[in-house]
Amino acid sequence: MVKLRFKRFGRTHHPVYRLNAIDQRSPRDGRPIEELGTYDPANKDESVQFKCNEERVKYWLSVGAQPSETVAALLKKTGVIEAAKA
């Protein structure tokens, strides 16, 4: 099964995450199928904090990919998916 989840990058105490479509059996920082966006929680500007390719995210969700809890919450917050779907 394909999952939409984050891969951690960045410095110590300053994480930056990449949103990936990845096989659920792969490790957290393993090789993704496709990179879909970024999330920088330390950025004060909320409009720049989370960026994603909405078209590709919707494609992966349409073919059965499951978002992690954190990814689903951010996608709802930005309006990419509806609250009822996630």
N, C-alpha and C. Protein backbone atom coordinates (compact mmCIF):
# COMPACT_ATOMS: atom_id res chain seq x y z
N MET A 1 0.84 -1.18 0.00
CA MET A 1 0.00 0.00 0.00
C MET A 1 0.88 1.24 0.00
N VAL A 2 0.45 2.25 -0.71
CA VAL A 2 1.19 3.52 -0.78
C VAL A 2 0.66 4.46 0.30
N LYS A 3 1.57 5.13 0.98
CA LYS A 3 1.22 6.10 2.02
C LYS A 3 1.76 7.46 1.61
N LEU A 4 1.06 8.51 2.02
CA LEU A 4 1.57 9.87 1.90
C LEU A 4 2.08 10.24 3.28
N ARG A 5 3.40 10.42 3.39
CA ARG A 5 3.97 10.72 4.69
C ARG A 5 5.21 11.59 4.54
N PHE A 6 5.71 12.08 5.67
CA PHE A 6 6.86 12.98 5.66
C PHE A 6 8.18 12.25 5.79
N LYS A 7 9.20 12.85 5.20
CA LYS A 7 10.58 12.38 5.30
C LYS A 7 11.35 13.54 5.93
N ARG A 8 12.11 13.29 6.99
CA ARG A 8 12.74 14.36 7.76
C ARG A 8 14.10 14.76 7.19
N PHE A 9 14.31 16.07 7.07
CA PHE A 9 15.58 16.65 6.66
C PHE A 9 15.88 17.80 7.61
N GLY A 10 16.95 18.53 7.36
CA GLY A 10 17.25 19.73 8.13
C GLY A 10 18.27 19.49 9.21
N ARG A 11 18.52 20.56 9.95
CA ARG A 11 19.52 20.51 11.01
C ARG A 11 18.91 19.98 12.30
N THR A 12 19.75 19.79 13.29
CA THR A 12 19.31 19.41 14.62
C THR A 12 18.47 20.56 15.19
N HIS A 13 17.33 20.23 15.74
CA HIS A 13 16.39 21.19 16.32
C HIS A 13 15.78 22.15 15.29
N HIS A 14 15.94 21.89 14.01
CA HIS A 14 15.31 22.69 12.95
C HIS A 14 14.92 21.75 11.81
N PRO A 15 13.89 20.93 12.04
CA PRO A 15 13.52 19.96 11.01
C PRO A 15 12.80 20.61 9.84
N VAL A 16 13.00 20.03 8.67
CA VAL A 16 12.27 20.36 7.46
C VAL A 16 11.83 19.02 6.90
N TYR A 17 10.59 18.95 6.45
CA TYR A 17 10.05 17.68 5.99
C TYR A 17 9.68 17.75 4.52
N ARG A 18 9.81 16.62 3.83
CA ARG A 18 9.35 16.50 2.45
C ARG A 18 8.16 15.56 2.45
N LEU A 19 7.12 15.95 1.73
CA LEU A 19 5.93 15.11 1.58
C LEU A 19 6.20 14.13 0.45
N ASN A 20 6.04 12.83 0.73
CA ASN A 20 6.35 11.80 -0.24
C ASN A 20 5.23 10.79 -0.37
N ALA A 21 5.12 10.23 -1.57
CA ALA A 21 4.33 9.02 -1.77
C ALA A 21 5.35 7.89 -1.65
N ILE A 22 5.13 6.99 -0.69
CA ILE A 22 6.13 5.97 -0.38
C ILE A 22 5.44 4.67 0.02
N ASP A 23 6.06 3.55 -0.28
CA ASP A 23 5.52 2.25 0.11
C ASP A 23 5.53 2.18 1.64
N GLN A 24 4.46 1.68 2.23
CA GLN A 24 4.36 1.66 3.69
C GLN A 24 5.41 0.79 4.36
N ARG A 25 6.00 -0.15 3.64
CA ARG A 25 7.03 -1.03 4.22
C ARG A 25 8.40 -0.38 4.24
N SER A 26 8.57 0.75 3.56
CA SER A 26 9.85 1.45 3.51
C SER A 26 10.11 2.20 4.81
N PRO A 27 11.38 2.39 5.17
CA PRO A 27 11.68 3.18 6.36
C PRO A 27 11.30 4.65 6.15
N ARG A 28 11.20 5.39 7.23
CA ARG A 28 10.77 6.79 7.16
C ARG A 28 11.60 7.61 6.17
N ASP A 29 12.91 7.45 6.19
CA ASP A 29 13.78 8.21 5.31
C ASP A 29 14.21 7.40 4.09
N GLY A 30 13.43 6.38 3.73
CA GLY A 30 13.75 5.54 2.59
C GLY A 30 13.44 6.22 1.26
N ARG A 31 13.67 5.49 0.18
CA ARG A 31 13.47 6.03 -1.15
C ARG A 31 11.98 6.17 -1.47
N PRO A 32 11.54 7.37 -1.84
CA PRO A 32 10.12 7.57 -2.15
C PRO A 32 9.78 7.17 -3.58
N ILE A 33 8.50 6.99 -3.85
CA ILE A 33 8.02 6.79 -5.20
C ILE A 33 8.00 8.14 -5.91
N GLU A 34 7.51 9.17 -5.19
CA GLU A 34 7.44 10.52 -5.75
C GLU A 34 7.44 11.55 -4.63
N GLU A 35 8.16 12.66 -4.84
CA GLU A 35 8.15 13.76 -3.88
C GLU A 35 7.06 14.74 -4.28
N LEU A 36 6.24 15.12 -3.29
CA LEU A 36 5.05 15.92 -3.58
C LEU A 36 5.06 17.32 -2.99
N GLY A 37 5.94 17.60 -2.04
CA GLY A 37 5.95 18.93 -1.45
C GLY A 37 6.88 19.02 -0.26
N THR A 38 6.81 20.16 0.44
CA THR A 38 7.66 20.39 1.61
C THR A 38 6.84 20.99 2.75
N TYR A 39 7.36 20.82 3.97
CA TYR A 39 6.74 21.39 5.17
C TYR A 39 7.86 21.88 6.08
N ASP A 40 7.84 23.17 6.39
CA ASP A 40 8.84 23.78 7.27
C ASP A 40 8.10 24.37 8.47
N PRO A 41 7.96 23.60 9.56
CA PRO A 41 7.19 24.07 10.71
C PRO A 41 7.81 25.26 11.42
N ALA A 42 9.11 25.53 11.23
CA ALA A 42 9.76 26.64 11.91
C ALA A 42 9.51 27.98 11.22
N ASN A 43 9.03 27.95 10.00
CA ASN A 43 8.77 29.18 9.25
C ASN A 43 7.56 29.89 9.85
N LYS A 44 7.71 31.16 10.18
CA LYS A 44 6.63 31.92 10.83
C LYS A 44 5.48 32.23 9.86
N ASP A 45 5.78 32.37 8.58
CA ASP A 45 4.78 32.69 7.57
C ASP A 45 4.01 31.42 7.20
N GLU A 46 2.76 31.32 7.64
CA GLU A 46 1.98 30.10 7.42
C GLU A 46 1.70 29.82 5.95
N SER A 47 1.71 30.85 5.10
CA SER A 47 1.45 30.62 3.68
C SER A 47 2.63 29.94 3.00
N VAL A 48 3.82 30.02 3.61
CA VAL A 48 5.02 29.40 3.05
C VAL A 48 5.37 28.10 3.77
N GLN A 49 4.77 27.87 4.93
CA GLN A 49 5.09 26.71 5.75
C GLN A 49 4.89 25.39 5.02
N PHE A 50 3.76 25.22 4.37
CA PHE A 50 3.42 23.96 3.72
C PHE A 50 3.15 24.21 2.24
N LYS A 51 3.93 23.57 1.38
CA LYS A 51 3.74 23.68 -0.06
C LYS A 51 3.64 22.27 -0.62
N CYS A 52 2.68 22.06 -1.52
CA CYS A 52 2.57 20.75 -2.15
C CYS A 52 2.01 20.89 -3.55
N ASN A 53 2.26 19.88 -4.36
CA ASN A 53 1.71 19.79 -5.70
C ASN A 53 0.31 19.18 -5.55
N GLU A 54 -0.70 20.04 -5.48
CA GLU A 54 -2.07 19.59 -5.18
C GLU A 54 -2.59 18.59 -6.20
N GLU A 55 -2.25 18.80 -7.45
CA GLU A 55 -2.72 17.90 -8.51
C GLU A 55 -2.22 16.48 -8.29
N ARG A 56 -0.94 16.34 -7.96
CA ARG A 56 -0.35 15.01 -7.74
C ARG A 56 -0.85 14.39 -6.43
N VAL A 57 -1.06 15.21 -5.40
CA VAL A 57 -1.59 14.69 -4.14
C VAL A 57 -2.99 14.12 -4.37
N LYS A 58 -3.82 14.85 -5.10
CA LYS A 58 -5.16 14.37 -5.41
C LYS A 58 -5.12 13.10 -6.24
N TYR A 59 -4.15 13.01 -7.16
CA TYR A 59 -4.00 11.79 -7.95
C TYR A 59 -3.70 10.60 -7.04
N TRP A 60 -2.70 10.76 -6.16
CA TRP A 60 -2.33 9.64 -5.28
C TRP A 60 -3.48 9.24 -4.37
N LEU A 61 -4.24 10.20 -3.88
CA LEU A 61 -5.39 9.87 -3.05
C LEU A 61 -6.46 9.14 -3.86
N SER A 62 -6.61 9.50 -5.13
CA SER A 62 -7.62 8.86 -5.99
C SER A 62 -7.28 7.42 -6.31
N VAL A 63 -6.00 7.07 -6.31
CA VAL A 63 -5.61 5.69 -6.60
C VAL A 63 -5.42 4.86 -5.32
N GLY A 64 -5.80 5.42 -4.16
CA GLY A 64 -5.83 4.63 -2.94
C GLY A 64 -4.73 4.88 -1.93
N ALA A 65 -3.89 5.88 -2.14
CA ALA A 65 -2.84 6.18 -1.16
C ALA A 65 -3.48 6.72 0.12
N GLN A 66 -2.94 6.33 1.26
CA GLN A 66 -3.45 6.73 2.56
C GLN A 66 -2.52 7.77 3.20
N PRO A 67 -3.03 8.95 3.56
CA PRO A 67 -2.17 9.94 4.22
C PRO A 67 -1.97 9.59 5.70
N SER A 68 -0.80 9.95 6.23
CA SER A 68 -0.59 9.80 7.67
C SER A 68 -1.48 10.82 8.38
N GLU A 69 -1.59 10.72 9.69
CA GLU A 69 -2.46 11.64 10.45
C GLU A 69 -2.01 13.08 10.28
N THR A 70 -0.70 13.32 10.37
CA THR A 70 -0.18 14.67 10.25
C THR A 70 -0.40 15.23 8.84
N VAL A 71 -0.14 14.42 7.84
CA VAL A 71 -0.32 14.85 6.45
C VAL A 71 -1.80 15.14 6.20
N ALA A 72 -2.69 14.29 6.67
CA ALA A 72 -4.12 14.50 6.49
C ALA A 72 -4.57 15.82 7.14
N ALA A 73 -4.07 16.11 8.33
CA ALA A 73 -4.43 17.35 9.01
C ALA A 73 -3.96 18.57 8.23
N LEU A 74 -2.75 18.52 7.69
CA LEU A 74 -2.24 19.65 6.91
C LEU A 74 -2.98 19.81 5.59
N LEU A 75 -3.34 18.70 4.96
CA LEU A 75 -4.08 18.77 3.70
C LEU A 75 -5.48 19.33 3.93
N LYS A 76 -6.09 18.99 5.06
CA LYS A 76 -7.39 19.57 5.41
C LYS A 76 -7.28 21.06 5.67
N LYS A 77 -6.24 21.43 6.41
CA LYS A 77 -6.03 22.83 6.78
C LYS A 77 -5.83 23.71 5.54
N THR A 78 -5.13 23.20 4.54
CA THR A 78 -4.87 23.97 3.33
C THR A 78 -5.97 23.83 2.30
N GLY A 79 -6.93 22.93 2.55
CA GLY A 79 -8.07 22.81 1.64
C GLY A 79 -7.85 21.88 0.47
N VAL A 80 -6.80 21.08 0.49
CA VAL A 80 -6.54 20.14 -0.60
C VAL A 80 -7.56 19.01 -0.57
N ILE A 81 -7.88 18.53 0.63
CA ILE A 81 -8.92 17.49 0.76
C ILE A 81 -10.00 17.99 1.71
N GLU A 82 -11.17 17.39 1.60
CA GLU A 82 -12.27 17.75 2.49
C GLU A 82 -12.13 16.98 3.79
N ALA A 83 -12.70 17.50 4.84
CA ALA A 83 -12.60 16.89 6.16
C ALA A 83 -13.24 15.51 6.18
N ALA A 84 -14.30 15.28 5.39
CA ALA A 84 -15.00 14.00 5.40
C ALA A 84 -14.17 12.89 4.78
N LYS A 85 -13.29 13.22 3.84
CA LYS A 85 -12.51 12.20 3.15
C LYS A 85 -11.38 11.66 4.00
N ALA A 86 -10.77 12.48 4.83
CA ALA A 86 -9.60 12.04 5.59
C ALA A 86 -9.91 11.59 6.97
